[in-house]
N, C-alpha and C. Protein backbone atom coordinates (compact mmCIF):
# COMPACT_ATOMS: atom_id res chain seq x y z
N UNK A 1 31.32 0.16 -9.93
CA UNK A 1 30.84 -0.91 -10.73
C UNK A 1 30.40 -2.11 -9.81
N UNK A 2 29.23 -2.67 -10.05
CA UNK A 2 28.70 -3.69 -9.17
C UNK A 2 29.35 -5.03 -9.60
N UNK A 3 29.34 -5.99 -8.65
CA UNK A 3 29.97 -7.30 -8.85
C UNK A 3 29.31 -8.06 -9.94
N UNK A 4 28.05 -7.85 -10.29
CA UNK A 4 27.37 -8.59 -11.35
C UNK A 4 28.02 -8.32 -12.73
N UNK A 5 28.56 -7.12 -12.85
CA UNK A 5 29.21 -6.78 -14.13
C UNK A 5 30.61 -7.35 -14.29
N UNK A 6 31.24 -7.69 -13.20
CA UNK A 6 32.54 -8.26 -13.23
C UNK A 6 32.55 -9.79 -13.35
N UNK A 7 31.43 -10.41 -13.01
CA UNK A 7 31.38 -11.87 -13.09
C UNK A 7 31.43 -12.37 -14.51
N UNK A 8 32.16 -13.41 -14.74
CA UNK A 8 32.30 -13.86 -16.13
C UNK A 8 31.77 -15.30 -16.17
N UNK A 9 31.22 -15.74 -17.32
CA UNK A 9 30.82 -17.07 -17.52
C UNK A 9 31.97 -17.94 -17.85
N UNK A 10 32.01 -19.20 -17.36
CA UNK A 10 33.05 -20.16 -17.58
C UNK A 10 32.40 -21.38 -18.24
N UNK A 11 32.78 -21.65 -19.50
CA UNK A 11 32.17 -22.75 -20.23
C UNK A 11 33.26 -23.66 -20.75
N UNK A 12 32.85 -24.86 -21.07
CA UNK A 12 33.79 -25.86 -21.73
C UNK A 12 33.05 -26.26 -23.04
N UNK A 13 33.52 -25.68 -24.09
CA UNK A 13 32.90 -25.87 -25.44
C UNK A 13 33.15 -27.30 -25.97
N UNK A 14 32.13 -27.97 -26.45
CA UNK A 14 32.32 -29.34 -26.97
C UNK A 14 32.05 -29.48 -28.52
N UNK A 15 31.60 -28.37 -29.08
CA UNK A 15 31.34 -28.38 -30.55
C UNK A 15 30.14 -29.21 -30.89
N UNK A 16 30.20 -29.84 -32.10
CA UNK A 16 29.07 -30.64 -32.57
C UNK A 16 28.91 -31.90 -31.75
N UNK A 17 27.77 -32.22 -31.38
CA UNK A 17 27.51 -33.37 -30.41
C UNK A 17 26.41 -34.19 -31.07
N UNK A 18 26.71 -35.50 -31.26
CA UNK A 18 25.72 -36.39 -31.88
C UNK A 18 25.20 -37.36 -30.84
N UNK A 19 23.97 -37.34 -30.59
CA UNK A 19 23.36 -38.24 -29.65
C UNK A 19 23.13 -39.62 -30.32
N UNK A 20 23.16 -40.65 -29.45
CA UNK A 20 22.81 -41.98 -30.05
C UNK A 20 21.34 -42.25 -30.27
N UNK A 21 20.53 -41.52 -29.53
CA UNK A 21 19.10 -41.60 -29.81
C UNK A 21 18.40 -40.35 -29.46
N UNK A 22 17.20 -40.12 -30.08
CA UNK A 22 16.43 -38.91 -29.94
C UNK A 22 15.82 -38.94 -28.56
N UNK A 23 15.80 -37.79 -27.83
CA UNK A 23 15.21 -37.72 -26.50
C UNK A 23 13.70 -37.61 -26.59
N UNK A 24 13.13 -37.39 -27.75
CA UNK A 24 11.70 -37.28 -27.89
C UNK A 24 11.08 -38.61 -28.29
N UNK A 25 11.51 -39.24 -29.38
CA UNK A 25 10.95 -40.46 -29.91
C UNK A 25 11.76 -41.72 -29.60
N UNK A 26 12.89 -41.47 -28.95
CA UNK A 26 13.78 -42.61 -28.53
C UNK A 26 14.27 -43.42 -29.74
N UNK A 27 14.32 -42.80 -30.89
CA UNK A 27 14.85 -43.48 -32.10
C UNK A 27 16.28 -43.94 -31.84
N UNK A 28 16.61 -45.14 -32.14
CA UNK A 28 18.01 -45.68 -31.90
C UNK A 28 19.00 -45.14 -32.91
N UNK A 29 18.53 -44.60 -34.02
CA UNK A 29 19.43 -44.00 -35.00
C UNK A 29 20.01 -42.69 -34.53
N UNK A 30 21.19 -42.39 -34.95
CA UNK A 30 21.79 -41.07 -34.57
C UNK A 30 21.07 -39.98 -35.31
N UNK A 31 19.96 -39.52 -34.80
CA UNK A 31 19.12 -38.57 -35.53
C UNK A 31 19.11 -37.22 -34.86
N UNK A 32 19.61 -37.07 -33.65
CA UNK A 32 19.55 -35.79 -32.95
C UNK A 32 20.95 -35.26 -32.80
N UNK A 33 21.23 -34.16 -33.48
CA UNK A 33 22.55 -33.60 -33.54
C UNK A 33 22.46 -32.15 -33.02
N UNK A 34 23.46 -31.76 -32.16
CA UNK A 34 23.44 -30.37 -31.69
C UNK A 34 24.87 -29.92 -31.40
N UNK A 35 25.01 -28.65 -31.17
CA UNK A 35 26.28 -28.07 -30.77
C UNK A 35 26.14 -27.68 -29.33
N UNK A 36 27.13 -27.87 -28.44
CA UNK A 36 26.94 -27.59 -27.07
C UNK A 36 28.20 -27.30 -26.26
N UNK A 37 27.90 -26.92 -24.96
CA UNK A 37 28.99 -26.69 -24.06
C UNK A 37 28.50 -26.96 -22.60
N UNK A 38 29.43 -27.23 -21.76
CA UNK A 38 29.15 -27.38 -20.33
C UNK A 38 29.39 -26.05 -19.69
N UNK A 39 28.41 -25.57 -18.92
CA UNK A 39 28.46 -24.26 -18.25
C UNK A 39 28.91 -24.51 -16.80
N UNK A 40 30.12 -24.22 -16.53
CA UNK A 40 30.63 -24.29 -15.16
C UNK A 40 30.13 -23.13 -14.38
N UNK A 41 30.13 -21.91 -14.95
CA UNK A 41 29.52 -20.70 -14.46
C UNK A 41 28.87 -20.01 -15.56
N UNK A 42 27.64 -19.61 -15.46
CA UNK A 42 26.91 -18.91 -16.52
C UNK A 42 26.14 -17.73 -15.92
N UNK A 43 26.56 -16.53 -16.33
CA UNK A 43 25.85 -15.34 -15.80
C UNK A 43 24.35 -15.30 -16.38
N UNK A 44 23.55 -14.61 -15.67
CA UNK A 44 22.16 -14.50 -16.04
C UNK A 44 22.09 -13.87 -17.42
N UNK A 45 22.92 -12.82 -17.64
CA UNK A 45 22.91 -12.10 -18.96
C UNK A 45 23.29 -13.14 -20.05
N UNK A 46 24.38 -13.86 -19.89
CA UNK A 46 24.73 -14.81 -20.93
C UNK A 46 23.75 -15.93 -21.09
N UNK A 47 23.15 -16.40 -20.04
CA UNK A 47 22.10 -17.48 -20.14
C UNK A 47 20.91 -16.93 -20.89
N UNK A 48 20.45 -15.70 -20.62
CA UNK A 48 19.29 -15.10 -21.31
C UNK A 48 19.63 -14.94 -22.80
N UNK A 49 20.87 -14.54 -23.14
CA UNK A 49 21.23 -14.34 -24.54
C UNK A 49 21.17 -15.80 -25.22
N UNK A 50 21.65 -16.79 -24.58
CA UNK A 50 21.62 -18.17 -25.13
C UNK A 50 20.18 -18.55 -25.43
N UNK A 51 19.34 -18.45 -24.42
CA UNK A 51 17.93 -18.91 -24.54
C UNK A 51 17.26 -18.13 -25.64
N UNK A 52 17.44 -16.80 -25.68
CA UNK A 52 16.80 -15.99 -26.71
C UNK A 52 17.25 -16.22 -28.08
N UNK A 53 18.44 -16.90 -28.24
CA UNK A 53 19.02 -17.24 -29.55
C UNK A 53 18.78 -18.72 -29.92
N UNK A 54 17.88 -19.40 -29.25
CA UNK A 54 17.56 -20.84 -29.62
C UNK A 54 18.35 -21.88 -28.90
N UNK A 55 19.18 -21.54 -27.94
CA UNK A 55 19.91 -22.46 -27.18
C UNK A 55 18.99 -23.06 -26.08
N UNK A 56 19.27 -24.32 -25.65
CA UNK A 56 18.51 -24.98 -24.64
C UNK A 56 19.43 -25.48 -23.53
N UNK A 57 18.94 -25.75 -22.37
CA UNK A 57 19.71 -26.20 -21.28
C UNK A 57 19.13 -27.46 -20.63
N UNK A 58 20.01 -28.31 -20.24
CA UNK A 58 19.60 -29.57 -19.47
C UNK A 58 20.72 -29.68 -18.41
N UNK A 59 20.46 -29.23 -17.20
CA UNK A 59 21.42 -29.21 -16.12
C UNK A 59 22.52 -28.20 -16.51
N UNK A 60 23.75 -28.67 -16.55
CA UNK A 60 24.86 -27.77 -16.89
C UNK A 60 25.19 -27.81 -18.41
N UNK A 61 24.53 -28.77 -19.12
CA UNK A 61 24.71 -28.89 -20.56
C UNK A 61 23.82 -27.86 -21.30
N UNK A 62 24.49 -26.99 -22.06
CA UNK A 62 23.77 -26.00 -22.87
C UNK A 62 24.04 -26.32 -24.33
N UNK A 63 22.97 -26.42 -25.13
CA UNK A 63 23.11 -26.93 -26.50
C UNK A 63 22.19 -26.19 -27.47
N UNK A 64 22.63 -26.22 -28.72
CA UNK A 64 21.84 -25.60 -29.76
C UNK A 64 21.56 -26.69 -30.86
N UNK A 65 20.35 -27.06 -31.00
CA UNK A 65 20.01 -28.08 -32.01
C UNK A 65 20.38 -27.61 -33.40
N UNK A 66 20.71 -28.54 -34.27
CA UNK A 66 20.89 -28.25 -35.60
C UNK A 66 19.61 -27.98 -36.30
N UNK A 67 19.56 -27.48 -37.54
CA UNK A 67 18.30 -27.24 -38.29
C UNK A 67 17.43 -28.48 -38.26
N UNK A 68 16.14 -28.32 -38.27
CA UNK A 68 15.17 -29.36 -38.12
C UNK A 68 15.32 -30.47 -39.19
N UNK A 69 15.84 -30.09 -40.37
CA UNK A 69 16.05 -31.13 -41.38
C UNK A 69 17.04 -32.21 -40.96
N UNK A 70 17.93 -31.83 -40.06
CA UNK A 70 18.89 -32.79 -39.57
C UNK A 70 18.41 -33.62 -38.36
N UNK A 71 17.31 -33.32 -37.81
CA UNK A 71 16.77 -34.05 -36.68
C UNK A 71 15.44 -34.73 -37.05
N UNK A 72 15.15 -35.79 -36.29
CA UNK A 72 13.89 -36.58 -36.60
C UNK A 72 12.66 -35.99 -36.04
N UNK A 73 12.79 -35.18 -34.95
CA UNK A 73 11.60 -34.60 -34.26
C UNK A 73 11.69 -33.11 -34.16
N UNK A 74 10.54 -32.44 -34.13
CA UNK A 74 10.45 -31.05 -33.87
C UNK A 74 10.69 -30.86 -32.43
N UNK A 75 11.57 -29.87 -32.09
CA UNK A 75 11.90 -29.62 -30.68
C UNK A 75 10.94 -28.55 -30.12
N UNK A 76 10.32 -28.89 -28.97
CA UNK A 76 9.33 -28.02 -28.33
C UNK A 76 9.93 -27.28 -27.16
N UNK A 77 9.92 -25.96 -27.18
CA UNK A 77 10.46 -25.19 -26.12
C UNK A 77 9.32 -24.89 -25.10
N UNK A 78 9.64 -25.15 -23.83
CA UNK A 78 8.61 -24.93 -22.80
C UNK A 78 9.15 -23.77 -21.86
N UNK A 79 8.45 -22.69 -21.84
CA UNK A 79 8.83 -21.56 -20.96
C UNK A 79 7.74 -21.34 -19.98
N UNK A 80 8.10 -21.03 -18.72
CA UNK A 80 7.16 -20.94 -17.61
C UNK A 80 7.17 -19.49 -17.11
N UNK A 81 6.01 -18.88 -17.04
CA UNK A 81 5.97 -17.57 -16.48
C UNK A 81 5.81 -17.74 -14.96
N UNK A 82 6.93 -17.63 -14.27
CA UNK A 82 6.99 -17.95 -12.80
C UNK A 82 6.10 -17.00 -11.98
N UNK A 83 5.80 -15.87 -12.47
CA UNK A 83 4.93 -14.89 -11.71
C UNK A 83 3.47 -15.37 -11.70
N UNK A 84 3.06 -16.19 -12.73
CA UNK A 84 1.70 -16.62 -12.83
C UNK A 84 1.56 -18.11 -12.50
N UNK A 85 2.63 -18.79 -12.20
CA UNK A 85 2.58 -20.20 -11.88
C UNK A 85 1.92 -20.51 -10.53
N UNK A 86 0.99 -21.49 -10.58
CA UNK A 86 0.34 -21.91 -9.34
C UNK A 86 0.55 -23.51 -9.28
N UNK A 87 1.02 -23.98 -8.17
CA UNK A 87 1.22 -25.38 -8.02
C UNK A 87 -0.10 -26.13 -7.91
N UNK A 88 -0.09 -27.36 -8.48
CA UNK A 88 -1.26 -28.22 -8.33
C UNK A 88 -1.23 -28.80 -6.95
N UNK A 89 -2.28 -29.41 -6.52
CA UNK A 89 -2.31 -30.08 -5.20
C UNK A 89 -1.31 -31.20 -5.20
N UNK A 90 -1.14 -31.92 -6.28
CA UNK A 90 -0.13 -33.02 -6.36
C UNK A 90 1.28 -32.46 -6.25
N UNK A 91 1.63 -31.29 -6.94
CA UNK A 91 2.92 -30.71 -6.82
C UNK A 91 3.15 -30.25 -5.36
N UNK A 92 2.15 -29.66 -4.68
CA UNK A 92 2.36 -29.25 -3.26
C UNK A 92 2.60 -30.51 -2.42
N UNK A 93 1.90 -31.61 -2.67
CA UNK A 93 2.06 -32.81 -1.90
C UNK A 93 3.50 -33.36 -2.01
N UNK A 94 3.98 -33.37 -3.24
CA UNK A 94 5.40 -33.81 -3.50
C UNK A 94 6.36 -32.86 -2.89
N UNK A 95 6.13 -31.62 -2.92
CA UNK A 95 7.05 -30.66 -2.28
C UNK A 95 7.10 -30.91 -0.75
N UNK A 96 5.93 -31.10 -0.06
CA UNK A 96 5.88 -31.38 1.34
C UNK A 96 6.65 -32.63 1.68
N UNK A 97 6.48 -33.74 0.88
CA UNK A 97 7.21 -34.95 1.15
C UNK A 97 8.72 -34.76 0.99
N UNK A 98 9.13 -33.96 0.00
CA UNK A 98 10.51 -33.70 -0.21
C UNK A 98 11.08 -32.88 0.93
N UNK A 99 10.34 -31.88 1.41
CA UNK A 99 10.79 -31.07 2.52
C UNK A 99 10.93 -31.93 3.81
N UNK A 100 9.95 -32.84 4.03
CA UNK A 100 9.98 -33.70 5.13
C UNK A 100 11.21 -34.64 5.10
N UNK A 101 11.51 -35.10 3.92
CA UNK A 101 12.68 -35.96 3.66
C UNK A 101 14.02 -35.15 4.00
N UNK A 102 14.06 -33.91 3.51
CA UNK A 102 15.25 -33.10 3.85
C UNK A 102 15.43 -32.78 5.26
N UNK A 103 14.31 -32.62 5.98
CA UNK A 103 14.31 -32.32 7.40
C UNK A 103 14.65 -33.54 8.28
N UNK A 104 14.08 -34.64 7.95
CA UNK A 104 14.10 -35.86 8.79
C UNK A 104 14.92 -37.03 8.25
N UNK A 105 15.07 -37.02 6.94
CA UNK A 105 15.74 -38.14 6.23
C UNK A 105 14.75 -39.34 6.10
N UNK A 106 13.47 -39.08 6.46
CA UNK A 106 12.46 -40.16 6.40
C UNK A 106 12.05 -40.32 4.97
N UNK A 107 12.07 -41.57 4.43
CA UNK A 107 11.65 -41.89 3.07
C UNK A 107 10.20 -42.31 3.23
N UNK A 108 9.28 -41.68 2.50
CA UNK A 108 7.91 -42.11 2.54
C UNK A 108 7.64 -43.44 1.98
N UNK A 109 6.61 -44.08 2.49
CA UNK A 109 6.12 -45.41 1.93
C UNK A 109 5.75 -45.19 0.48
N UNK A 110 6.02 -46.11 -0.42
CA UNK A 110 5.61 -45.96 -1.78
C UNK A 110 4.13 -45.97 -1.85
N UNK A 111 3.57 -45.30 -2.84
CA UNK A 111 2.12 -45.25 -3.07
C UNK A 111 1.68 -46.64 -3.50
N UNK A 112 0.48 -47.08 -3.02
CA UNK A 112 0.05 -48.41 -3.40
C UNK A 112 -0.37 -48.44 -4.85
N UNK A 113 -0.10 -49.58 -5.46
CA UNK A 113 -0.47 -49.81 -6.83
C UNK A 113 -1.79 -50.59 -6.79
N UNK A 114 -2.79 -50.12 -7.55
CA UNK A 114 -4.08 -50.74 -7.51
C UNK A 114 -3.95 -52.24 -7.77
N UNK A 115 -4.53 -53.03 -6.82
CA UNK A 115 -4.53 -54.47 -6.98
C UNK A 115 -3.35 -55.16 -6.39
N UNK A 116 -2.37 -54.44 -5.92
CA UNK A 116 -1.13 -55.00 -5.32
C UNK A 116 -1.18 -54.63 -3.85
N UNK A 117 -0.96 -55.65 -3.00
CA UNK A 117 -0.98 -55.42 -1.56
C UNK A 117 0.42 -55.48 -1.04
N UNK A 118 0.91 -54.48 -0.32
CA UNK A 118 2.30 -54.45 0.17
C UNK A 118 2.40 -55.41 1.33
N UNK A 119 3.60 -55.99 1.56
CA UNK A 119 3.80 -57.01 2.59
C UNK A 119 3.40 -56.53 3.99
N UNK A 120 3.71 -55.25 4.30
CA UNK A 120 3.34 -54.72 5.63
C UNK A 120 1.84 -54.65 5.79
N UNK A 121 1.09 -54.44 4.75
CA UNK A 121 -0.37 -54.43 4.86
C UNK A 121 -0.91 -55.79 5.01
N UNK A 122 -0.29 -56.79 4.41
CA UNK A 122 -0.66 -58.20 4.57
C UNK A 122 -0.52 -58.57 6.04
N UNK A 123 0.63 -58.24 6.63
CA UNK A 123 0.87 -58.57 8.02
C UNK A 123 -0.15 -57.91 8.97
N UNK A 124 -0.51 -56.67 8.72
CA UNK A 124 -1.55 -55.95 9.48
C UNK A 124 -2.83 -56.70 9.47
N UNK A 125 -3.25 -57.10 8.23
CA UNK A 125 -4.54 -57.83 8.11
C UNK A 125 -4.51 -59.21 8.80
N UNK A 126 -3.35 -59.87 8.83
CA UNK A 126 -3.22 -61.18 9.34
C UNK A 126 -2.86 -61.11 10.81
N UNK A 127 -2.90 -60.01 11.47
CA UNK A 127 -2.54 -59.91 12.93
C UNK A 127 -1.04 -59.93 13.13
N UNK A 128 -0.22 -59.34 12.21
CA UNK A 128 1.17 -59.28 12.35
C UNK A 128 1.89 -60.52 11.99
N UNK A 129 1.29 -61.38 11.23
CA UNK A 129 1.97 -62.63 10.77
C UNK A 129 1.86 -63.73 11.77
N UNK A 130 1.42 -63.50 12.99
CA UNK A 130 1.37 -64.58 13.99
C UNK A 130 0.33 -65.55 13.66
N UNK A 131 -0.81 -65.10 13.06
CA UNK A 131 -1.89 -66.01 12.78
C UNK A 131 -1.46 -67.12 11.80
N UNK A 132 -0.70 -66.69 10.76
CA UNK A 132 -0.15 -67.62 9.71
C UNK A 132 0.73 -68.64 10.39
N UNK A 133 1.62 -68.20 11.28
CA UNK A 133 2.55 -69.11 11.93
C UNK A 133 1.80 -70.14 12.77
N UNK A 134 0.69 -69.69 13.49
CA UNK A 134 -0.06 -70.60 14.29
C UNK A 134 -0.72 -71.62 13.47
N UNK A 135 -1.27 -71.14 12.28
CA UNK A 135 -1.98 -72.11 11.40
C UNK A 135 -1.03 -73.17 10.76
N UNK A 136 0.19 -72.73 10.46
CA UNK A 136 1.19 -73.63 9.94
C UNK A 136 1.55 -74.69 10.94
N UNK A 137 1.70 -74.31 12.20
CA UNK A 137 2.04 -75.23 13.28
C UNK A 137 0.94 -76.25 13.50
N UNK A 138 -0.33 -75.78 13.44
CA UNK A 138 -1.46 -76.63 13.64
C UNK A 138 -1.54 -77.66 12.50
N UNK A 139 -1.23 -77.29 11.25
CA UNK A 139 -1.27 -78.22 10.13
C UNK A 139 -0.24 -79.33 10.25
N UNK A 140 0.89 -79.07 10.88
CA UNK A 140 1.97 -80.00 11.00
C UNK A 140 1.60 -80.94 12.08
C-alpha cells in the first residue's frame, strides 16, 4: 500500500459560521453565512471531494455557503485549467520581481503614480538637492 492511501486529513470543525459582512458587496449586515472547518492537513482526495460538493477554500479555511436565499450575493466559483493557463506579461513581471525579492531581499521601488513625483526623482532633477540648499543660502 502506498503512503498516499495511509495519509489522513486533519480538520478542526467550526460548524455554522456567520460573517459580519459579505465578501462580495461588503454589506455590513450579517448576510453571509456558511459552515466551515480549518484544514490542518487535507489530502488531495478529500479536497477534491469537498470542491466537487460545493465547498470552497480560502487559505486553510474550508467552507460551504448556506443556500442562496440566506445570503445577499450569488457566489461565483472560479476554476482554472492549469494545463491551459498562460501568464500575462504583467503576471510574469510580478513573478520576476517576487523571485528577485526572495533571492536578494531587495524591495523594488514603488511604481510611479501619474502626476505624483517621488522625492528621489525630485532630488535627481534638482542636482541631488544641493541646488535648493545653495538658493536658500543666497536668499538669506
